[in-house]
Amino acid sequence: MPGEQEPGRRPFLRTSRLEAFSDGVFAIAITILVLELSVPPGSGDDLLTSFLEQWPSYLAYLVSFATIGAAWIAHTAITGYVDRTDSRFARLNLLLLLVVSFLPFPTRLLAEYITEEAAVRVAATILGINLLLIAAITSWLWRHAVSRSLVRPDAADDEVRVLTQRLTPGLAGYAILILLGLFLPLVAVFGYLVIALVLILPLGRAPT
């Protein structure tokens, strides 16, 4: 039974508090992103021009919003299959929340320096590494759940395999884009957005 210790095994933890805490962190992180958007200066006929000149902020916001959204969907799918957790799963989950909650910082860096040739490479690299860590830890969290038999016994093997495959491809994509960002940072940023949008699509037969 979830939350009880089985003979000869380490105690298992209930998933309800972990899910509630995680949802709260995801919600706060995604809300902070919009707080980074500032009211464009200007008035009258100049307001539209000033608004459009804020496009770096909108692009950075969209990339990070989509990434957090994809991470939340993946996390929801994972916890939908997991009926109990162990201490390592809880710590990996905290590590995931750490990198998710950090995302507003590189988002602001990118928005502020996207028009500066040298600085944007650094900002895009920091953002890319953050996104890669989110994807990698999410995949690690799921693989740990599978390897430690934390997944519901009634979960079909093909569903588990589909989710495992779904959580893996983004890793290589992020790694390639991080390297590309050293030379073509804007192309890399749009690549990050494409990966996030692809990951937001339904996870096959996985719960969404």
C-alpha atoms as a PDB file:
ATOM      1  CA  MET A   1       0.000   0.000   0.000  1.00  0.00           C
ATOM      2  CA  PRO A   2       1.455   3.444  -0.924  1.00  0.00           C
ATOM      3  CA  GLY A   3       3.108   5.188   1.985  1.00  0.00           C
ATOM      4  CA  GLU A   4       3.729   1.973   3.926  1.00  0.00           C
ATOM      5  CA  GLN A   5       6.966   0.097   4.287  1.00  0.00           C
ATOM      6  CA  GLU A   6       7.178  -3.296   2.649  1.00  0.00           C
ATOM      7  CA  PRO A   7       9.194  -6.069   4.310  1.00  0.00           C
ATOM      8  CA  GLY A   8      12.853  -5.962   3.317  1.00  0.00           C
ATOM      9  CA  ARG A   9      12.441  -2.752   1.289  1.00  0.00           C
ATOM     10  CA  ARG A  10      12.905   0.942   1.931  1.00  0.00           C
ATOM     11  CA  PRO A  11       9.760   2.908   2.858  1.00  0.00           C
ATOM     12  CA  PHE A  12       7.672   4.280   0.021  1.00  0.00           C
ATOM     13  CA  LEU A  13       6.200   7.768   0.073  1.00  0.00           C
ATOM     14  CA  ARG A  14       2.775   8.963  -0.967  1.00  0.00           C
ATOM     15  CA  THR A  15       2.561  10.807  -4.271  1.00  0.00           C
ATOM     16  CA  SER A  16      -0.157  13.338  -3.359  1.00  0.00           C
ATOM     17  CA  ARG A  17       2.030  15.853  -1.526  1.00  0.00           C
ATOM     18  CA  LEU A  18       4.796  15.559  -4.110  1.00  0.00           C
ATOM     19  CA  GLU A  19       2.347  16.284  -6.939  1.00  0.00           C
ATOM     20  CA  ALA A  20       0.748  19.206  -5.101  1.00  0.00           C
ATOM     21  CA  PHE A  21       4.111  20.778  -4.288  1.00  0.00           C
ATOM     22  CA  SER A  22       5.385  20.247  -7.836  1.00  0.00           C
ATOM     23  CA  ASP A  23       2.270  21.778  -9.415  1.00  0.00           C
ATOM     24  CA  GLY A  24       2.714  24.809  -7.166  1.00  0.00           C
ATOM     25  CA  VAL A  25       6.326  25.316  -8.262  1.00  0.00           C
ATOM     26  CA  PHE A  26       5.437  24.894 -11.942  1.00  0.00           C
ATOM     27  CA  ALA A  27       2.622  27.431 -11.547  1.00  0.00           C
ATOM     28  CA  ILE A  28       4.840  29.976  -9.781  1.00  0.00           C
ATOM     29  CA  ALA A  29       7.666  29.603 -12.323  1.00  0.00           C
ATOM     30  CA  ILE A  30       5.342  30.051 -15.287  1.00  0.00           C
ATOM     31  CA  THR A  31       3.719  33.082 -13.612  1.00  0.00           C
ATOM     32  CA  ILE A  32       7.073  34.756 -12.923  1.00  0.00           C
ATOM     33  CA  LEU A  33       7.773  34.617 -16.664  1.00  0.00           C
ATOM     34  CA  VAL A  34       4.953  37.028 -17.466  1.00  0.00           C
ATOM     35  CA  LEU A  35       6.039  39.332 -14.631  1.00  0.00           C
ATOM     36  CA  GLU A  36       9.313  39.799 -16.528  1.00  0.00           C
ATOM     37  CA  LEU A  37       7.397  41.472 -19.364  1.00  0.00           C
ATOM     38  CA  SER A  38       7.463  45.242 -18.918  1.00  0.00           C
ATOM     39  CA  VAL A  39       5.054  47.865 -20.153  1.00  0.00           C
ATOM     40  CA  PRO A  40       6.577  49.320 -23.334  1.00  0.00           C
ATOM     41  CA  PRO A  41       7.494  53.003 -23.154  1.00  0.00           C
ATOM     42  CA  GLY A  42       5.732  55.462 -25.405  1.00  0.00           C
ATOM     43  CA  SER A  43       2.311  56.977 -25.824  1.00  0.00           C
ATOM     44  CA  GLY A  44      -0.215  57.709 -28.530  1.00  0.00           C
ATOM     45  CA  ASP A  45       0.926  56.744 -32.019  1.00  0.00           C
ATOM     46  CA  ASP A  46       4.292  55.579 -30.655  1.00  0.00           C
ATOM     47  CA  LEU A  47       2.794  52.868 -28.413  1.00  0.00           C
ATOM     48  CA  LEU A  48       2.385  50.274 -31.166  1.00  0.00           C
ATOM     49  CA  THR A  49       5.980  50.771 -32.292  1.00  0.00           C
ATOM     50  CA  SER A  50       7.216  50.515 -28.703  1.00  0.00           C
ATOM     51  CA  PHE A  51       5.123  47.398 -28.204  1.00  0.00           C
ATOM     52  CA  LEU A  52       6.571  45.709 -31.288  1.00  0.00           C
ATOM     53  CA  GLU A  53      10.103  46.640 -30.252  1.00  0.00           C
ATOM     54  CA  GLN A  54       9.650  44.400 -27.214  1.00  0.00           C
ATOM     55  CA  TRP A  55       9.731  41.285 -29.459  1.00  0.00           C
ATOM     56  CA  PRO A  56      12.833  39.822 -27.731  1.00  0.00           C
ATOM     57  CA  SER A  57      10.874  39.655 -24.474  1.00  0.00           C
ATOM     58  CA  TYR A  58       7.921  38.002 -26.191  1.00  0.00           C
ATOM     59  CA  LEU A  59      10.143  35.423 -27.893  1.00  0.00           C
ATOM     60  CA  ALA A  60      11.990  34.562 -24.683  1.00  0.00           C
ATOM     61  CA  TYR A  61       8.685  34.346 -22.814  1.00  0.00           C
ATOM     62  CA  LEU A  62       7.171  32.031 -25.423  1.00  0.00           C
ATOM     63  CA  VAL A  63      10.178  29.691 -25.421  1.00  0.00           C
ATOM     64  CA  SER A  64      10.260  29.390 -21.635  1.00  0.00           C
ATOM     65  CA  PHE A  65       6.467  29.170 -21.255  1.00  0.00           C
ATOM     66  CA  ALA A  66       6.314  26.357 -23.804  1.00  0.00           C
ATOM     67  CA  THR A  67       9.229  24.568 -22.128  1.00  0.00           C
ATOM     68  CA  ILE A  68       7.681  24.741 -18.661  1.00  0.00           C
ATOM     69  CA  GLY A  69       4.363  23.661 -20.155  1.00  0.00           C
ATOM     70  CA  ALA A  70       6.016  20.658 -21.800  1.00  0.00           C
ATOM     71  CA  ALA A  71       7.839  19.792 -18.564  1.00  0.00           C
ATOM     72  CA  TRP A  72       4.584  19.993 -16.601  1.00  0.00           C
ATOM     73  CA  ILE A  73       2.781  17.748 -19.097  1.00  0.00           C
ATOM     74  CA  ALA A  74       5.628  15.215 -18.920  1.00  0.00           C
ATOM     75  CA  HIS A  75       5.654  15.409 -15.110  1.00  0.00           C
ATOM     76  CA  THR A  76       1.882  14.873 -15.048  1.00  0.00           C
ATOM     77  CA  ALA A  77       2.267  11.826 -17.290  1.00  0.00           C
ATOM     78  CA  ILE A  78       4.991  10.421 -15.043  1.00  0.00           C
ATOM     79  CA  THR A  79       3.075  10.895 -11.802  1.00  0.00           C
ATOM     80  CA  GLY A  80      -0.015   9.501 -13.523  1.00  0.00           C
ATOM     81  CA  TYR A  81       1.788   6.187 -13.891  1.00  0.00           C
ATOM     82  CA  VAL A  82       3.572   6.240 -10.532  1.00  0.00           C
ATOM     83  CA  ASP A  83       1.553   4.991  -7.570  1.00  0.00           C
ATOM     84  CA  ARG A  84       4.319   5.427  -4.976  1.00  0.00           C
ATOM     85  CA  THR A  85       7.680   7.142  -4.677  1.00  0.00           C
ATOM     86  CA  ASP A  86      10.915   6.523  -2.846  1.00  0.00           C
ATOM     87  CA  SER A  87      13.367   8.991  -1.336  1.00  0.00           C
ATOM     88  CA  ARG A  88      15.516   9.161  -4.483  1.00  0.00           C
ATOM     89  CA  PHE A  89      12.491   9.893  -6.646  1.00  0.00           C
ATOM     90  CA  ALA A  90      11.552  12.732  -4.283  1.00  0.00           C
ATOM     91  CA  ARG A  91      15.070  14.174  -4.476  1.00  0.00           C
ATOM     92  CA  LEU A  92      15.185  13.905  -8.250  1.00  0.00           C
ATOM     93  CA  ASN A  93      11.842  15.679  -8.309  1.00  0.00           C
ATOM     94  CA  LEU A  94      13.308  18.486  -6.197  1.00  0.00           C
ATOM     95  CA  LEU A  95      16.236  18.715  -8.607  1.00  0.00           C
ATOM     96  CA  LEU A  96      13.790  19.067 -11.496  1.00  0.00           C
ATOM     97  CA  LEU A  97      11.922  21.824  -9.663  1.00  0.00           C
ATOM     98  CA  LEU A  98      15.247  23.566  -9.026  1.00  0.00           C
ATOM     99  CA  VAL A  99      16.056  23.900 -12.722  1.00  0.00           C
ATOM    100  CA  VAL A 100      12.448  24.733 -13.635  1.00  0.00           C
ATOM    101  CA  SER A 101      12.258  27.557 -11.086  1.00  0.00           C
ATOM    102  CA  PHE A 102      15.625  28.911 -12.342  1.00  0.00           C
ATOM    103  CA  LEU A 103      14.309  29.316 -15.899  1.00  0.00           C
ATOM    104  CA  PRO A 104      12.961  32.901 -15.516  1.00  0.00           C
ATOM    105  CA  PHE A 105      16.549  34.123 -15.023  1.00  0.00           C
ATOM    106  CA  PRO A 106      18.032  32.985 -18.376  1.00  0.00           C
ATOM    107  CA  THR A 107      14.737  34.035 -19.970  1.00  0.00           C
ATOM    108  CA  ARG A 108      15.353  37.614 -18.851  1.00  0.00           C
ATOM    109  CA  LEU A 109      19.002  37.400 -19.914  1.00  0.00           C
ATOM    110  CA  LEU A 110      17.963  36.416 -23.415  1.00  0.00           C
ATOM    111  CA  ALA A 111      15.314  39.139 -23.608  1.00  0.00           C
ATOM    112  CA  GLU A 112      17.787  41.818 -22.573  1.00  0.00           C
ATOM    113  CA  TYR A 113      20.775  40.793 -24.690  1.00  0.00           C
ATOM    114  CA  ILE A 114      19.218  39.204 -27.781  1.00  0.00           C
ATOM    115  CA  THR A 115      20.200  42.200 -29.939  1.00  0.00           C
ATOM    116  CA  GLU A 116      23.841  42.247 -28.769  1.00  0.00           C
ATOM    117  CA  GLU A 117      25.949  39.959 -30.925  1.00  0.00           C
ATOM    118  CA  ALA A 118      28.439  38.757 -28.329  1.00  0.00           C
ATOM    119  CA  ALA A 119      26.152  38.704 -25.290  1.00  0.00           C
ATOM    120  CA  VAL A 120      23.325  36.845 -27.012  1.00  0.00           C
ATOM    121  CA  ARG A 121      25.597  33.835 -27.525  1.00  0.00           C
ATOM    122  CA  VAL A 122      26.167  33.621 -23.788  1.00  0.00           C
ATOM    123  CA  ALA A 123      22.484  34.160 -22.990  1.00  0.00           C
ATOM    124  CA  ALA A 124      21.360  31.535 -25.533  1.00  0.00           C
ATOM    125  CA  THR A 125      23.905  29.049 -24.172  1.00  0.00           C
ATOM    126  CA  ILE A 126      22.793  29.536 -20.565  1.00  0.00           C
ATOM    127  CA  LEU A 127      19.169  29.154 -21.617  1.00  0.00           C
ATOM    128  CA  GLY A 128      19.968  26.043 -23.662  1.00  0.00           C
ATOM    129  CA  ILE A 129      21.813  24.392 -20.783  1.00  0.00           C
ATOM    130  CA  ASN A 130      18.860  25.133 -18.490  1.00  0.00           C
ATOM    131  CA  LEU A 131      16.442  23.578 -20.996  1.00  0.00           C
ATOM    132  CA  LEU A 132      18.702  20.553 -21.459  1.00  0.00           C
ATOM    133  CA  LEU A 133      18.831  20.000 -17.695  1.00  0.00           C
ATOM    134  CA  ILE A 134      15.032  20.142 -17.457  1.00  0.00           C
ATOM    135  CA  ALA A 135      14.691  17.525 -20.200  1.00  0.00           C
ATOM    136  CA  ALA A 136      17.464  15.316 -18.810  1.00  0.00           C
ATOM    137  CA  ILE A 137      16.201  15.302 -15.221  1.00  0.00           C
ATOM    138  CA  THR A 138      12.628  14.653 -16.367  1.00  0.00           C
ATOM    139  CA  SER A 139      13.842  11.620 -18.308  1.00  0.00           C
ATOM    140  CA  TRP A 140      15.980  10.521 -15.354  1.00  0.00           C
ATOM    141  CA  LEU A 141      12.987  10.811 -13.021  1.00  0.00           C
ATOM    142  CA  TRP A 142      10.895   8.520 -15.213  1.00  0.00           C
ATOM    143  CA  ARG A 143      13.655   5.974 -15.771  1.00  0.00           C
ATOM    144  CA  HIS A 144      14.233   5.803 -12.026  1.00  0.00           C
ATOM    145  CA  ALA A 145      10.524   5.152 -11.472  1.00  0.00           C
ATOM    146  CA  VAL A 146      10.605   2.323 -14.011  1.00  0.00           C
ATOM    147  CA  SER A 147      13.827   0.765 -12.717  1.00  0.00           C
ATOM    148  CA  ARG A 148      12.637   0.820  -9.080  1.00  0.00           C
ATOM    149  CA  SER A 149       9.175  -0.580  -9.893  1.00  0.00           C
ATOM    150  CA  LEU A 150       7.381   2.551  -8.767  1.00  0.00           C
ATOM    151  CA  VAL A 151       5.061   2.386 -11.769  1.00  0.00           C
ATOM    152  CA  ARG A 152       1.527   1.090 -11.279  1.00  0.00           C
ATOM    153  CA  PRO A 153       1.372  -2.703 -11.734  1.00  0.00           C
ATOM    154  CA  ASP A 154      -1.522  -2.352 -14.191  1.00  0.00           C
ATOM    155  CA  ALA A 155       0.460  -0.082 -16.545  1.00  0.00           C
ATOM    156  CA  ALA A 156       0.845  -1.698 -19.972  1.00  0.00           C
ATOM    157  CA  ASP A 157       4.409  -2.350 -21.113  1.00  0.00           C
ATOM    158  CA  ASP A 158       3.860  -0.613 -24.444  1.00  0.00           C
ATOM    159  CA  GLU A 159       2.576   2.512 -22.684  1.00  0.00           C
ATOM    160  CA  VAL A 160       5.658   2.588 -20.478  1.00  0.00           C
ATOM    161  CA  ARG A 161       7.850   2.173 -23.553  1.00  0.00           C
ATOM    162  CA  VAL A 162       6.057   4.974 -25.423  1.00  0.00           C
ATOM    163  CA  LEU A 163       6.559   7.410 -22.554  1.00  0.00           C
ATOM    164  CA  THR A 164      10.226   6.413 -22.202  1.00  0.00           C
ATOM    165  CA  GLN A 165      10.811   7.079 -25.890  1.00  0.00           C
ATOM    166  CA  ARG A 166       8.865  10.314 -25.729  1.00  0.00           C
ATOM    167  CA  LEU A 167      11.020  11.712 -22.932  1.00  0.00           C
ATOM    168  CA  THR A 168      14.349  10.911 -24.626  1.00  0.00           C
ATOM    169  CA  PRO A 169      14.665  12.522 -28.123  1.00  0.00           C
ATOM    170  CA  GLY A 170      14.727  16.120 -26.870  1.00  0.00           C
ATOM    171  CA  LEU A 171      18.085  15.553 -25.161  1.00  0.00           C
ATOM    172  CA  ALA A 172      20.045  15.233 -28.405  1.00  0.00           C
ATOM    173  CA  GLY A 173      18.148  18.140 -29.929  1.00  0.00           C
ATOM    174  CA  TYR A 174      19.020  20.455 -27.066  1.00  0.00           C
ATOM    175  CA  ALA A 175      22.681  19.406 -27.143  1.00  0.00           C
ATOM    176  CA  ILE A 176      22.913  20.152 -30.874  1.00  0.00           C
ATOM    177  CA  LEU A 177      21.158  23.498 -30.504  1.00  0.00           C
ATOM    178  CA  ILE A 178      23.436  24.569 -27.647  1.00  0.00           C
ATOM    179  CA  LEU A 179      26.438  24.088 -29.941  1.00  0.00           C
ATOM    180  CA  LEU A 180      24.626  25.827 -32.794  1.00  0.00           C
ATOM    181  CA  GLY A 181      23.837  28.715 -30.475  1.00  0.00           C
ATOM    182  CA  LEU A 182      27.535  29.544 -30.231  1.00  0.00           C
ATOM    183  CA  PHE A 183      27.383  30.596 -33.884  1.00  0.00           C
ATOM    184  CA  LEU A 184      23.699  31.214 -34.669  1.00  0.00           C
ATOM    185  CA  PRO A 185      22.033  32.020 -31.333  1.00  0.00           C
ATOM    186  CA  LEU A 186      18.693  33.147 -32.781  1.00  0.00           C
ATOM    187  CA  VAL A 187      18.373  29.959 -34.807  1.00  0.00           C
ATOM    188  CA  ALA A 188      19.051  27.983 -31.639  1.00  0.00           C
ATOM    189  CA  VAL A 189      16.394  29.906 -29.717  1.00  0.00           C
ATOM    190  CA  PHE A 190      13.767  29.166 -32.357  1.00  0.00           C
ATOM    191  CA  GLY A 191      14.942  25.540 -32.246  1.00  0.00           C
ATOM    192  CA  TYR A 192      14.296  25.460 -28.501  1.00  0.00           C
ATOM    193  CA  LEU A 193      10.778  26.700 -29.179  1.00  0.00           C
ATOM    194  CA  VAL A 194      10.189  23.998 -31.806  1.00  0.00           C
ATOM    195  CA  ILE A 195      11.328  21.243 -29.407  1.00  0.00           C
ATOM    196  CA  ALA A 196       9.015  22.541 -26.677  1.00  0.00           C
ATOM    197  CA  LEU A 197       6.045  22.725 -29.026  1.00  0.00           C
ATOM    198  CA  VAL A 198       6.693  19.176 -30.265  1.00  0.00           C
ATOM    199  CA  LEU A 199       6.870  17.931 -26.669  1.00  0.00           C
ATOM    200  CA  ILE A 200       3.584  19.644 -25.826  1.00  0.00           C
ATOM    201  CA  LEU A 201       1.781  17.451 -28.357  1.00  0.00           C
ATOM    202  CA  PRO A 202      -0.148  14.516 -26.822  1.00  0.00           C
ATOM    203  CA  LEU A 203       2.084  11.814 -25.354  1.00  0.00           C
ATOM    204  CA  GLY A 204       0.610   8.974 -27.373  1.00  0.00           C
ATOM    205  CA  ARG A 205      -1.380   6.824 -25.011  1.00  0.00           C
ATOM    206  CA  ALA A 206       0.294   8.342 -21.974  1.00  0.00           C
ATOM    207  CA  PRO A 207      -2.004  10.309 -19.661  1.00  0.00           C
ATOM    208  CA  THR A 208      -2.147  14.045 -20.411  1.00  0.00           C
END
